[in-house]
Amino acid sequence: MYKIGDRILYPMHGVGTIEGIEKKTVLGHKDEYYMITLASTAMKVMVPVKNSSSVGIRPLIAKTKVRDGLHMLGHGETEIELDWKLRLENNTNKMKSGDIMKAAEVTRDLYRRGLEKELSFFERKLYESAYTLLTHEIAMSKGLSVEDAGNIVSEALSVYKPATAPDAPAAEGSTRARR
């Protein structure tokens, strides 16, 4: 159980702070709710305490794990599903998992795809969501401003250099299409 003041991640919503734990009656059922303020929008949400793990609420990433997430942004192979609907579904499921490494993977893969080809509206929105989630979690975890965390994420992404010639051999960090 989380306590007031704990900083958490709520998948698909972002990072936030537990501002209170209150008993509320909703739809005729009295339950305890976490009162969470989301950092990116200052929106307040209520999540039943008993459902918090099933909706993916988790503590923020440890400072020691931030380096792993940043490394993933600039390295590793990207498998891109050619069917945009499947690609969107796969990336959305990764974001819903609440796993910071999967959010880093989505950020990396969509960033690289955007270098090669314009992202669809939905992929652009998902990229922005993944980038924002990653940036805010790193900022809260390391005690940085969101701007500084954004600079760190952008710098990690910029490590990747796409091949310039279509017949150039794939290097580490290259993009490979998957059917």
Foldseek 3Di string as FASTA:
>chain_A
DDDFQFWKAQFPQAIWGQNDWDWDQDPNDTAIWGFIQHDPPRDTDTDGPVCCVVQPIDGFDALVCLVVLLLLLQFAEAEAEPPVVVRLVVLSVLRSNNDLNSLSNLLNNLVVVCVVDNDDPSSVVSNVSSLQRSLVSNCVNVVHDSVVSSVSSVVSNVNHDEDPDPPDDADTHYYDYDD
